[in-house]
């Protein structure tokens, strides 16, 4: 797993087009804890033009499909940021891959081939957020042992281990912790406990997680600030 795994707005009319699925909207609303907002966008031709100048230079050598996916994710993020009073915010890529968020904001972007998502919160509430989206399809067989630890293969039913759930959760965990600690994690560096809705990394760091499995797999990982929600 690496920061590059994330790789996989401009004009006003483009920005206001909703291009959403109402079922996904409801699923994401149920997934988000207090203080976290999640939005999505069905990726469409032209979303590549949504990249602002400060963002587009990081994708200058990318194919149109990658630029389109990245533009769609930033459209979703900017919708949230506008509601937080932050207009036309550029989200350029940081060293290592994650986006650079406005001061006082934490967030995460993700996409698969069809849907882009963004999760955003204020930094006084959460120190880290990670999100991932995957199609509700089985994991390629050659990845199962790479993604699931031995303990997880014993703990969970075969159908779950062979699904993309653990993959998505661990991607989200990586994204939540990397901007804070700069720690590169492999899949076997993370143990996921879906019963307790939490995970622990090899360094002993604990993160809360939330998962939805239909109509796609959405995984959220988050680190509340110590002083939040008391």
Protein backbone atom coordinates (compact mmCIF):
# COMPACT_ATOMS: atom_id res chain seq x y z
CA UNK A 1 0.00 0.00 0.00
CA UNK A 2 1.29 3.48 -0.75
CA UNK A 3 0.10 7.05 -0.99
CA UNK A 4 -0.08 6.63 -4.76
CA UNK A 5 -3.01 4.23 -4.29
CA UNK A 6 -5.26 7.30 -4.15
CA UNK A 7 -4.60 7.89 -7.83
CA UNK A 8 -6.22 5.07 -7.83
CA UNK A 9 -13.26 23.15 -9.68
CA UNK A 10 -13.14 25.21 -12.43
CA UNK A 11 -16.20 26.88 -13.96
CA UNK A 12 -19.33 27.59 -11.97
CA UNK A 13 -21.91 25.71 -14.11
CA UNK A 14 -19.86 22.51 -13.84
CA UNK A 15 -19.50 22.90 -10.13
CA UNK A 16 -23.21 23.16 -9.38
CA UNK A 17 -24.30 20.09 -11.37
CA UNK A 18 -25.21 17.49 -8.72
CA UNK A 19 -24.59 14.26 -10.72
CA UNK A 20 -25.41 12.16 -7.66
CA UNK A 21 -27.06 8.86 -6.82
CA UNK A 22 -29.73 9.31 -4.09
CA UNK A 23 -29.06 5.82 -2.72
CA UNK A 24 -25.35 6.59 -2.29
CA UNK A 25 -26.22 9.94 -0.71
CA UNK A 26 -28.27 8.17 1.96
CA UNK A 27 -25.62 5.51 2.56
CA UNK A 28 -22.87 8.08 3.03
CA UNK A 29 -25.00 10.14 5.38
CA UNK A 30 -25.47 7.09 7.58
CA UNK A 31 -21.75 6.32 7.47
CA UNK A 32 -20.51 9.71 8.67
CA UNK A 33 -20.01 10.31 12.41
CA UNK A 34 -20.89 13.65 13.97
CA UNK A 35 -18.80 16.44 12.53
CA UNK A 36 -17.82 14.59 9.34
CA UNK A 37 -19.42 15.36 5.99
CA UNK A 38 -19.19 12.96 3.05
CA UNK A 39 -20.21 13.82 -0.52
CA UNK A 40 -19.95 11.91 -3.77
CA UNK A 41 -20.11 12.46 -7.50
CA UNK A 42 -20.85 10.08 -10.35
CA UNK A 43 -17.78 10.59 -12.55
CA UNK A 44 -18.68 12.13 -15.90
CA UNK A 45 -16.88 13.33 -19.03
CA UNK A 46 -15.69 16.87 -18.48
CA UNK A 47 -14.86 16.40 -14.80
CA UNK A 48 -11.20 16.58 -15.78
CA UNK A 49 -11.79 20.27 -16.54
CA UNK A 50 -12.77 20.82 -12.91
CA UNK A 51 -9.14 20.71 -11.77
CA UNK A 52 -7.95 24.17 -10.78
CA UNK A 53 -4.60 25.40 -12.08
CA UNK A 54 -2.88 24.66 -8.76
CA UNK A 55 -4.16 21.07 -8.97
CA UNK A 56 -3.88 20.38 -12.68
CA UNK A 57 -0.09 20.67 -12.77
CA UNK A 58 0.18 17.59 -10.56
CA UNK A 59 -1.77 15.62 -13.19
CA UNK A 60 -0.10 17.07 -16.28
CA UNK A 61 1.26 13.68 -17.31
CA UNK A 62 -1.84 11.70 -16.31
CA UNK A 63 -4.29 10.22 -18.78
CA UNK A 64 -7.72 11.81 -19.14
CA UNK A 65 -9.41 9.11 -17.05
CA UNK A 66 -7.19 9.86 -14.02
CA UNK A 67 -7.68 13.62 -14.41
CA UNK A 68 -11.44 13.06 -14.67
CA UNK A 69 -11.55 10.95 -11.50
CA UNK A 70 -9.41 13.45 -9.58
CA UNK A 71 -11.52 16.36 -10.78
CA UNK A 72 -14.73 14.62 -9.72
CA UNK A 73 -13.36 13.96 -6.23
CA UNK A 74 -12.41 17.61 -5.86
CA UNK A 75 -15.84 18.70 -7.03
CA UNK A 76 -17.32 16.65 -4.18
CA UNK A 77 -14.84 18.13 -1.70
CA UNK A 78 -15.47 21.71 -2.78
CA UNK A 79 -19.20 21.23 -2.30
CA UNK A 80 -18.50 20.51 1.38
CA UNK A 81 -15.94 23.28 1.72
CA UNK A 82 -18.37 25.88 0.37
CA UNK A 83 -20.81 24.92 3.12
CA UNK A 84 -17.96 25.47 5.60
CA UNK A 85 -17.40 28.97 4.19
CA UNK A 86 -14.36 28.09 2.06
CA UNK A 87 -14.89 28.98 -1.60
CA UNK A 88 -12.82 27.91 -4.63
CA UNK A 89 -10.26 26.08 -2.51
CA UNK A 90 -7.51 24.34 -4.47
CA UNK A 91 -6.56 20.88 -3.24
CA UNK A 92 -3.14 20.19 -4.77
CA UNK A 93 -1.36 16.95 -4.07
CA UNK A 94 1.13 16.91 -1.22
CA UNK A 95 4.40 15.07 -1.25
CA UNK A 96 3.49 11.40 -0.93
CA UNK A 97 0.11 11.79 -2.61
CA UNK A 98 -2.60 13.10 -0.23
CA UNK A 99 -4.30 16.42 -1.02
CA UNK A 100 -3.36 19.64 0.74
CA UNK A 101 -6.42 20.88 2.64
CA UNK A 102 -7.18 24.45 3.69
CA UNK A 103 -5.94 25.49 7.10
CA UNK A 104 -8.09 24.04 9.89
CA UNK A 105 -9.59 21.33 7.66
CA UNK A 106 -8.90 17.60 7.43
CA UNK A 107 -10.19 15.37 4.72
CA UNK A 108 -9.70 12.58 2.22
CA UNK A 109 -10.53 11.85 -1.41
CA UNK A 110 -11.13 8.55 -3.19
CA UNK A 111 -12.62 7.14 -6.35
CA UNK A 112 -13.15 3.96 -8.28
CA UNK A 113 -13.95 3.87 -12.00
CA UNK A 114 -17.46 5.27 -11.56
CA UNK A 115 -17.82 7.14 -8.25
CA UNK A 116 -15.69 9.76 -6.50
CA UNK A 117 -16.05 10.60 -2.81
CA UNK A 118 -14.76 13.19 -0.37
CA UNK A 119 -14.85 13.20 3.43
CA UNK A 120 -14.19 16.48 5.24
CA UNK A 121 -14.22 17.75 8.84
CA UNK A 122 -12.87 20.60 10.88
CA UNK A 123 -9.46 20.01 12.42
CA UNK A 124 -10.60 20.86 15.94
CA UNK A 125 -12.86 17.79 15.81
CA UNK A 126 -10.72 15.25 13.96
CA UNK A 127 -6.99 14.95 13.48
CA UNK A 128 -7.29 12.52 10.58
CA UNK A 129 -9.86 11.17 8.11
CA UNK A 130 -9.52 8.58 5.38
CA UNK A 131 -12.07 7.33 2.89
CA UNK A 132 -12.15 4.70 0.17
CA UNK A 133 -14.69 3.43 -2.35
CA UNK A 134 -14.60 0.12 -4.18
CA UNK A 135 -17.03 -1.75 -6.42
CA UNK A 136 -18.96 -4.47 -4.61
CA UNK A 137 -16.96 -7.21 -6.33
CA UNK A 138 -14.72 -9.99 -5.01
CA UNK A 139 -11.08 -9.22 -4.39
CA UNK A 140 -8.76 -10.76 -7.01
CA UNK A 141 -7.75 -14.15 -5.54
CA UNK A 142 -4.04 -13.35 -5.62
CA UNK A 143 -4.61 -10.40 -3.27
CA UNK A 144 -6.57 -12.18 -0.53
CA UNK A 145 -3.59 -13.34 1.53
CA UNK A 146 -1.83 -10.02 0.95
CA UNK A 147 -4.77 -7.95 2.21
CA UNK A 148 -6.07 -10.09 5.10
CA UNK A 149 -3.79 -11.03 7.98
CA UNK A 150 -3.82 -14.57 9.34
CA UNK A 151 -5.84 -13.38 12.33
CA UNK A 152 -8.40 -11.73 10.05
CA UNK A 153 -8.71 -14.86 7.91
CA UNK A 154 -9.51 -16.80 11.08
CA UNK A 155 -11.86 -14.16 12.45
CA UNK A 156 -14.06 -13.47 9.44
CA UNK A 157 -16.20 -15.54 7.12
CA UNK A 158 -14.67 -16.51 3.81
CA UNK A 159 -17.15 -14.34 1.94
CA UNK A 160 -15.94 -11.24 3.78
CA UNK A 161 -12.24 -12.10 3.41
CA UNK A 162 -12.75 -12.61 -0.31
CA UNK A 163 -14.65 -9.34 -0.65
CA UNK A 164 -13.08 -5.89 -0.96
CA UNK A 165 -14.18 -4.81 2.52
CA UNK A 166 -10.83 -5.24 4.29
CA UNK A 167 -9.03 -3.74 1.31
CA UNK A 168 -11.21 -0.62 1.46
CA UNK A 169 -10.94 -0.27 5.24
CA UNK A 170 -7.16 -0.54 5.17
CA UNK A 171 -6.90 1.97 2.35
CA UNK A 172 -9.00 4.39 4.41
CA UNK A 173 -6.85 3.79 7.48
CA UNK A 174 -3.70 4.47 5.52
CA UNK A 175 -5.11 7.76 4.26
CA UNK A 176 -6.25 8.85 7.74
CA UNK A 177 -2.90 8.32 9.44
CA UNK A 178 -0.39 9.14 6.70
CA UNK A 179 -0.77 12.97 6.75
CA UNK A 180 -0.23 12.90 10.53
CA UNK A 181 2.57 10.38 10.94
CA UNK A 182 3.99 9.98 7.43
CA UNK A 183 3.97 6.22 8.03
CA UNK A 184 3.88 3.85 5.09
CA UNK A 185 1.80 0.80 5.93
CA UNK A 186 1.37 -2.51 4.18
CA UNK A 187 -1.92 -4.34 4.50
CA UNK A 188 -0.49 -6.74 7.08
CA UNK A 189 0.55 -3.77 9.23
CA UNK A 190 -3.15 -3.20 10.05
CA UNK A 191 -5.53 -5.39 12.05
CA UNK A 192 -9.22 -4.63 11.57
CA UNK A 193 -11.92 -5.47 14.11
CA UNK A 194 -15.24 -4.87 12.39
CA UNK A 195 -17.18 -5.99 15.48
CA UNK A 196 -15.68 -3.10 17.47
CA UNK A 197 -15.54 -0.75 14.47
CA UNK A 198 -11.87 -0.08 15.01
CA UNK A 199 -8.41 -1.00 13.77
CA UNK A 200 -4.88 -0.91 15.11
CA UNK A 201 -1.67 -0.32 13.17
CA UNK A 202 1.70 -1.97 13.77
CA UNK A 203 2.71 1.06 15.83
CA UNK A 204 -0.24 0.61 18.18
CA UNK A 205 -2.28 3.48 16.79
CA UNK A 206 -6.03 2.94 16.99
CA UNK A 207 -8.53 4.33 14.54
CA UNK A 208 -12.31 4.16 14.37
CA UNK A 209 -13.80 2.74 11.19
CA UNK A 210 -17.20 2.57 9.53
CA UNK A 211 -18.17 0.47 6.52
CA UNK A 212 -21.10 0.23 4.11
CA UNK A 213 -21.23 -2.56 1.53
CA UNK A 214 -24.07 -1.63 -0.83
CA UNK A 215 -24.49 -0.39 -3.50
CA UNK A 216 -20.67 -0.11 -3.39
CA UNK A 217 -18.14 -0.61 -0.63
CA UNK A 218 -17.49 2.62 1.27
CA UNK A 219 -14.98 2.67 4.11
CA UNK A 220 -14.26 5.54 6.47
CA UNK A 221 -11.46 5.76 9.04
CA UNK A 222 -11.25 8.64 11.49
CA UNK A 223 -9.24 9.87 14.45
CA UNK A 224 -11.23 12.14 16.80
CA UNK A 225 -9.29 14.84 18.60
CA UNK A 226 -8.83 14.04 22.27
CA UNK A 227 -10.88 17.03 23.37
CA UNK A 228 -13.76 16.42 20.96
CA UNK A 229 -17.28 15.24 21.83
CA UNK A 230 -16.79 15.27 25.60
